[in-house]
PDB file of N, CA and C in Angstrom:
ATOM      1  N   MET A   1     179.007 140.168 252.995  1.00  0.00           N
ATOM      2  CA  MET A   1     178.708 138.754 252.757  1.00  0.00           C
ATOM      3  C   MET A   1     177.306 138.422 253.279  1.00  0.00           C
ATOM      4  N   SER A   2     176.619 137.600 252.545  1.00  0.00           N
ATOM      5  CA  SER A   2     175.245 137.250 252.902  1.00  0.00           C
ATOM      6  C   SER A   2     175.214 136.235 254.031  1.00  0.00           C
ATOM      7  N   SER A   3     174.202 136.335 254.873  1.00  0.00           N
ATOM      8  CA  SER A   3     174.038 135.319 255.916  1.00  0.00           C
ATOM      9  C   SER A   3     172.904 134.361 255.545  1.00  0.00           C
ATOM     10  N   ASP A   4     172.581 134.288 254.260  1.00  0.00           N
ATOM     11  CA  ASP A   4     171.534 133.390 253.774  1.00  0.00           C
ATOM     12  C   ASP A   4     171.925 131.955 254.106  1.00  0.00           C
ATOM     13  N   PRO A   5     171.097 131.235 254.888  1.00  0.00           N
ATOM     14  CA  PRO A   5     171.489 129.865 255.285  1.00  0.00           C
ATOM     15  C   PRO A   5     171.615 128.918 254.101  1.00  0.00           C
ATOM     16  N   ARG A   6     170.976 129.228 252.983  1.00  0.00           N
ATOM     17  CA  ARG A   6     171.104 128.345 251.814  1.00  0.00           C
ATOM     18  C   ARG A   6     172.508 128.380 251.240  1.00  0.00           C
ATOM     19  N   LEU A   7     173.279 129.426 251.587  1.00  0.00           N
ATOM     20  CA  LEU A   7     174.624 129.559 251.041  1.00  0.00           C
ATOM     21  C   LEU A   7     175.680 128.899 251.928  1.00  0.00           C
ATOM     22  N   ALA A   8     175.280 128.441 253.103  1.00  0.00           N
ATOM     23  CA  ALA A   8     176.232 127.827 254.024  1.00  0.00           C
ATOM     24  C   ALA A   8     176.621 126.437 253.531  1.00  0.00           C
ATOM     25  N   SER A   9     177.728 125.931 254.044  1.00  0.00           N
ATOM     26  CA  SER A   9     178.082 124.553 253.749  1.00  0.00           C
ATOM     27  C   SER A   9     177.070 123.649 254.452  1.00  0.00           C
ATOM     28  N   MET A  10     177.225 122.363 254.269  1.00  0.00           N
ATOM     29  CA  MET A  10     176.221 121.409 254.739  1.00  0.00           C
ATOM     30  C   MET A  10     176.914 120.374 255.608  1.00  0.00           C
ATOM     31  N   SER A  11     176.365 120.126 256.780  1.00  0.00           N
ATOM     32  CA  SER A  11     176.953 119.114 257.666  1.00  0.00           C
ATOM     33  C   SER A  11     176.651 117.717 257.122  1.00  0.00           C
ATOM     34  N   PRO A  12     177.446 116.721 257.542  1.00  0.00           N
ATOM     35  CA  PRO A  12     177.130 115.347 257.124  1.00  0.00           C
ATOM     36  C   PRO A  12     175.708 114.945 257.511  1.00  0.00           C
ATOM     37  N   GLU A  13     175.238 115.405 258.677  1.00  0.00           N
ATOM     38  CA  GLU A  13     173.883 115.047 259.112  1.00  0.00           C
ATOM     39  C   GLU A  13     172.837 115.665 258.182  1.00  0.00           C
ATOM     40  N   GLU A  14     173.038 116.922 257.810  1.00  0.00           N
ATOM     41  CA  GLU A  14     172.088 117.561 256.892  1.00  0.00           C
ATOM     42  C   GLU A  14     172.119 116.881 255.531  1.00  0.00           C
ATOM     43  N   LEU A  15     173.305 116.490 255.086  1.00  0.00           N
ATOM     44  CA  LEU A  15     173.425 115.785 253.810  1.00  0.00           C
ATOM     45  C   LEU A  15     172.646 114.472 253.867  1.00  0.00           C
ATOM     46  N   ARG A  16     172.784 113.729 254.972  1.00  0.00           N
ATOM     47  CA  ARG A  16     172.031 112.472 255.120  1.00  0.00           C
ATOM     48  C   ARG A  16     170.523 112.719 255.067  1.00  0.00           C
ATOM     49  N   ARG A  17     170.063 113.762 255.781  1.00  0.00           N
ATOM     50  CA  ARG A  17     168.634 114.084 255.771  1.00  0.00           C
ATOM     51  C   ARG A  17     168.162 114.447 254.369  1.00  0.00           C
ATOM     52  N   ALA A  18     168.966 115.219 253.651  1.00  0.00           N
ATOM     53  CA  ALA A  18     168.595 115.612 252.283  1.00  0.00           C
ATOM     54  C   ALA A  18     168.526 114.384 251.382  1.00  0.00           C
ATOM     55  N   MET A  19     169.498 113.486 251.521  1.00  0.00           N
ATOM     56  CA  MET A  19     169.485 112.261 250.710  1.00  0.00           C
ATOM     57  C   MET A  19     168.207 111.471 250.959  1.00  0.00           C
ATOM     58  N   ARG A  20     167.853 111.311 252.239  1.00  0.00           N
ATOM     59  CA  ARG A  20     166.633 110.557 252.563  1.00  0.00           C
ATOM     60  C   ARG A  20     165.402 111.258 252.007  1.00  0.00           C
ATOM     61  N   ALA A  21     165.341 112.571 252.194  1.00  0.00           N
ATOM     62  CA  ALA A  21     164.173 113.334 251.746  1.00  0.00           C
ATOM     63  C   ALA A  21     163.996 113.230 250.234  1.00  0.00           C
ATOM     64  N   LEU A  22     165.111 113.138 249.511  1.00  0.00           N
ATOM     65  CA  LEU A  22     165.048 113.101 248.052  1.00  0.00           C
ATOM     66  C   LEU A  22     165.014 111.675 247.506  1.00  0.00           C
ATOM     67  N   GLY A  23     165.062 110.688 248.390  1.00  0.00           N
ATOM     68  CA  GLY A  23     164.932 109.303 247.948  1.00  0.00           C
ATOM     69  C   GLY A  23     166.208 108.661 247.452  1.00  0.00           C
ATOM     70  N   TYR A  24     167.369 109.258 247.744  1.00  0.00           N
ATOM     71  CA  TYR A  24     168.635 108.632 247.360  1.00  0.00           C
ATOM     72  C   TYR A  24     169.046 107.683 248.471  1.00  0.00           C
ATOM     73  N   ARG A  25     169.043 106.387 248.163  1.00  0.00           N
ATOM     74  CA  ARG A  25     169.318 105.374 249.182  1.00  0.00           C
ATOM     75  C   ARG A  25     170.805 105.119 249.375  1.00  0.00           C
ATOM     76  N   THR A  26     171.582 105.326 248.323  1.00  0.00           N
ATOM     77  CA  THR A  26     173.013 105.029 248.415  1.00  0.00           C
ATOM     78  C   THR A  26     173.839 106.238 247.995  1.00  0.00           C
ATOM     79  N   GLN A  27     175.110 106.191 248.378  1.00  0.00           N
ATOM     80  CA  GLN A  27     176.042 107.230 247.946  1.00  0.00           C
ATOM     81  C   GLN A  27     176.115 107.270 246.426  1.00  0.00           C
ATOM     82  N   ALA A  28     176.095 106.104 245.796  1.00  0.00           N
ATOM     83  CA  ALA A  28     176.173 106.041 244.336  1.00  0.00           C
ATOM     84  C   ALA A  28     174.952 106.679 243.689  1.00  0.00           C
ATOM     85  N   ASP A  29     173.768 106.509 244.301  1.00  0.00           N
ATOM     86  CA  ASP A  29     172.549 107.136 243.766  1.00  0.00           C
ATOM     87  C   ASP A  29     172.699 108.649 243.729  1.00  0.00           C
ATOM     88  N   LEU A  30     173.128 109.221 244.856  1.00  0.00           N
ATOM     89  CA  LEU A  30     173.287 110.673 244.921  1.00  0.00           C
ATOM     90  C   LEU A  30     174.385 111.132 243.973  1.00  0.00           C
ATOM     91  N   ALA A  31     175.507 110.424 243.970  1.00  0.00           N
ATOM     92  CA  ALA A  31     176.632 110.801 243.114  1.00  0.00           C
ATOM     93  C   ALA A  31     176.207 110.858 241.648  1.00  0.00           C
ATOM     94  N   GLY A  32     175.484 109.830 241.211  1.00  0.00           N
ATOM     95  CA  GLY A  32     175.028 109.806 239.821  1.00  0.00           C
ATOM     96  C   GLY A  32     174.064 110.932 239.501  1.00  0.00           C
ATOM     97  N   ALA A  33     173.222 111.268 240.466  1.00  0.00           N
ATOM     98  CA  ALA A  33     172.207 112.297 240.239  1.00  0.00           C
ATOM     99  C   ALA A  33     172.816 113.686 240.100  1.00  0.00           C
ATOM    100  N   ILE A  34     173.909 113.948 240.827  1.00  0.00           N
ATOM    101  CA  ILE A  34     174.472 115.301 240.794  1.00  0.00           C
ATOM    102  C   ILE A  34     175.809 115.372 240.059  1.00  0.00           C
ATOM    103  N   GLY A  35     176.252 114.253 239.501  1.00  0.00           N
ATOM    104  CA  GLY A  35     177.432 114.274 238.642  1.00  0.00           C
ATOM    105  C   GLY A  35     178.762 114.357 239.364  1.00  0.00           C
ATOM    106  N   VAL A  36     178.863 113.672 240.510  1.00  0.00           N
ATOM    107  CA  VAL A  36     180.142 113.597 241.213  1.00  0.00           C
ATOM    108  C   VAL A  36     180.475 112.126 241.453  1.00  0.00           C
ATOM    109  N   SER A  37     181.682 111.867 241.940  1.00  0.00           N
ATOM    110  CA  SER A  37     182.058 110.476 242.215  1.00  0.00           C
ATOM    111  C   SER A  37     181.430 110.000 243.523  1.00  0.00           C
ATOM    112  N   ARG A  38     181.269 108.694 243.636  1.00  0.00           N
ATOM    113  CA  ARG A  38     180.756 108.132 244.877  1.00  0.00           C
ATOM    114  C   ARG A  38     181.725 108.426 246.007  1.00  0.00           C
ATOM    115  N   SER A  39     183.016 108.421 245.709  1.00  0.00           N
ATOM    116  CA  SER A  39     183.994 108.689 246.763  1.00  0.00           C
ATOM    117  C   SER A  39     183.870 110.123 247.283  1.00  0.00           C
ATOM    118  N   ALA A  40     183.495 111.078 246.441  1.00  0.00           N
ATOM    119  CA  ALA A  40     183.267 112.453 246.911  1.00  0.00           C
ATOM    120  C   ALA A  40     182.125 112.470 247.919  1.00  0.00           C
ATOM    121  N   VAL A  41     181.033 111.782 247.587  1.00  0.00           N
ATOM    122  CA  VAL A  41     179.891 111.730 248.507  1.00  0.00           C
ATOM    123  C   VAL A  41     180.312 111.073 249.816  1.00  0.00           C
ATOM    124  N   SER A  42     181.106 110.029 249.731  1.00  0.00           N
ATOM    125  CA  SER A  42     181.587 109.343 250.925  1.00  0.00           C
ATOM    126  C   SER A  42     182.395 110.292 251.816  1.00  0.00           C
ATOM    127  N   LEU A  43     183.278 111.062 251.218  1.00  0.00           N
ATOM    128  CA  LEU A  43     184.086 112.015 251.986  1.00  0.00           C
ATOM    129  C   LEU A  43     183.205 113.066 252.653  1.00  0.00           C
ATOM    130  N   TRP A  44     182.167 113.513 251.953  1.00  0.00           N
ATOM    131  CA  TRP A  44     181.242 114.501 252.535  1.00  0.00           C
ATOM    132  C   TRP A  44     180.520 113.897 253.734  1.00  0.00           C
ATOM    133  N   LEU A  45     180.040 112.656 253.576  1.00  0.00           N
ATOM    134  CA  LEU A  45     179.268 112.018 254.649  1.00  0.00           C
ATOM    135  C   LEU A  45     180.150 111.705 255.857  1.00  0.00           C
ATOM    136  N   GLU A  46     181.421 111.462 255.628  1.00  0.00           N
ATOM    137  CA  GLU A  46     182.350 111.206 256.733  1.00  0.00           C
ATOM    138  C   GLU A  46     182.826 112.504 257.371  1.00  0.00           C
ATOM    139  N   GLY A  47     182.517 113.641 256.751  1.00  0.00           N
ATOM    140  CA  GLY A  47     182.956 114.923 257.284  1.00  0.00           C
ATOM    141  C   GLY A  47     184.417 115.226 257.011  1.00  0.00           C
ATOM    142  N   LYS A  48     185.032 114.452 256.113  1.00  0.00           N
ATOM    143  CA  LYS A  48     186.454 114.668 255.808  1.00  0.00           C
ATOM    144  C   LYS A  48     186.641 115.833 254.851  1.00  0.00           C
ATOM    145  N   VAL A  49     185.633 116.063 254.028  1.00  0.00           N
ATOM    146  CA  VAL A  49     185.657 117.160 253.063  1.00  0.00           C
ATOM    147  C   VAL A  49     184.310 117.855 253.161  1.00  0.00           C
ATOM    148  N   GLY A  50     184.316 119.168 253.138  1.00  0.00           N
ATOM    149  CA  GLY A  50     183.059 119.902 253.191  1.00  0.00           C
ATOM    150  C   GLY A  50     182.258 119.727 251.909  1.00  0.00           C
ATOM    151  N   VAL A  51     180.943 119.731 252.037  1.00  0.00           N
ATOM    152  CA  VAL A  51     180.069 119.701 250.860  1.00  0.00           C
ATOM    153  C   VAL A  51     180.238 121.039 250.140  1.00  0.00           C
ATOM    154  N   PRO A  52     180.572 121.018 248.848  1.00  0.00           N
ATOM    155  CA  PRO A  52     180.732 122.292 248.131  1.00  0.00           C
ATOM    156  C   PRO A  52     179.447 123.118 248.192  1.00  0.00           C
ATOM    157  N   ARG A  53     179.597 124.436 248.317  1.00  0.00           N
ATOM    158  CA  ARG A  53     178.424 125.297 248.447  1.00  0.00           C
ATOM    159  C   ARG A  53     177.408 125.116 247.325  1.00  0.00           C
ATOM    160  N   PRO A  54     177.845 125.002 246.056  1.00  0.00           N
ATOM    161  CA  PRO A  54     176.825 124.824 244.996  1.00  0.00           C
ATOM    162  C   PRO A  54     176.022 123.535 245.181  1.00  0.00           C
ATOM    163  N   VAL A  55     176.671 122.475 245.661  1.00  0.00           N
ATOM    164  CA  VAL A  55     175.969 121.210 245.898  1.00  0.00           C
ATOM    165  C   VAL A  55     174.985 121.374 247.053  1.00  0.00           C
ATOM    166  N   ALA A  56     175.437 122.018 248.127  1.00  0.00           N
ATOM    167  CA  ALA A  56     174.559 122.248 249.268  1.00  0.00           C
ATOM    168  C   ALA A  56     173.340 123.071 248.843  1.00  0.00           C
ATOM    169  N   MET A  57     173.575 124.116 248.049  1.00  0.00           N
ATOM    170  CA  MET A  57     172.463 124.956 247.576  1.00  0.00           C
ATOM    171  C   MET A  57     171.479 124.142 246.744  1.00  0.00           C
ATOM    172  N   LEU A  58     172.024 123.340 245.822  1.00  0.00           N
ATOM    173  CA  LEU A  58     171.171 122.521 244.952  1.00  0.00           C
ATOM    174  C   LEU A  58     170.311 121.573 245.775  1.00  0.00           C
ATOM    175  N   LEU A  59     170.923 120.862 246.706  1.00  0.00           N
ATOM    176  CA  LEU A  59     170.171 119.895 247.500  1.00  0.00           C
ATOM    177  C   LEU A  59     169.108 120.584 248.352  1.00  0.00           C
ATOM    178  N   ARG A  60     169.455 121.740 248.936  1.00  0.00           N
ATOM    179  CA  ARG A  60     168.458 122.464 249.737  1.00  0.00           C
ATOM    180  C   ARG A  60     167.291 122.921 248.871  1.00  0.00           C
ATOM    181  N   MET A  61     167.591 123.384 247.650  1.00  0.00           N
ATOM    182  CA  MET A  61     166.504 123.820 246.756  1.00  0.00           C
ATOM    183  C   MET A  61     165.628 122.640 246.361  1.00  0.00           C
ATOM    184  N   LEU A  62     166.235 121.488 246.086  1.00  0.00           N
ATOM    185  CA  LEU A  62     165.453 120.304 245.712  1.00  0.00           C
ATOM    186  C   LEU A  62     164.564 119.844 246.861  1.00  0.00           C
ATOM    187  N   VAL A  63     165.097 119.844 248.078  1.00  0.00           N
ATOM    188  CA  VAL A  63     164.301 119.445 249.242  1.00  0.00           C
ATOM    189  C   VAL A  63     163.136 120.426 249.428  1.00  0.00           C
ATOM    190  N   ALA A  64     163.416 121.725 249.315  1.00  0.00           N
ATOM    191  CA  ALA A  64     162.363 122.731 249.478  1.00  0.00           C
ATOM    192  C   ALA A  64     161.295 122.586 248.394  1.00  0.00           C
ATOM    193  N   ALA A  65     161.714 122.337 247.163  1.00  0.00           N
ATOM    194  CA  ALA A  65     160.763 122.187 246.064  1.00  0.00           C
ATOM    195  C   ALA A  65     159.903 120.948 246.261  1.00  0.00           C
ATOM    196  N   GLN A  66     160.522 119.879 246.778  1.00  0.00           N
ATOM    197  CA  GLN A  66     159.781 118.648 247.015  1.00  0.00           C
ATOM    198  C   GLN A  66     158.734 118.863 248.103  1.00  0.00           C
ATOM    199  N   ARG A  67     159.106 119.594 249.140  1.00  0.00           N
ATOM    200  CA  ARG A  67     158.142 119.869 250.214  1.00  0.00           C
ATOM    201  C   ARG A  67     156.945 120.651 249.703  1.00  0.00           C
ATOM    202  N   ARG A  68     157.208 121.613 248.807  1.00  0.00           N
ATOM    203  CA  ARG A  68     156.104 122.426 248.267  1.00  0.00           C
ATOM    204  C   ARG A  68     155.189 121.611 247.361  1.00  0.00           C
ATOM    205  N   ALA A  69     155.734 120.549 246.773  1.00  0.00           N
ATOM    206  CA  ALA A  69     154.953 119.757 245.807  1.00  0.00           C
ATOM    207  C   ALA A  69     153.864 118.922 246.479  1.00  0.00           C
ATOM    208  N   PHE A  70     154.002 118.693 247.778  1.00  0.00           N
ATOM    209  CA  PHE A  70     153.052 117.805 248.449  1.00  0.00           C
ATOM    210  C   PHE A  70     151.998 118.557 249.223  1.00  0.00           C
TER     211      PHE A  70
END
């Protein structure tokens, strides 16, 4: 199994940082952008449900790409 940190799940704090970095102000903004329900985002931010690995990977790649763009 790989120990690549991009493949790890994402803590609620990291999710909040990613949302801010990408300019998503609300749970609904992020939900609409990645095609999930607002309630799913809410559960992730509350730590009740883990952020799915593909979502965590996508958000990390978007944050990294945004950093490189500036």
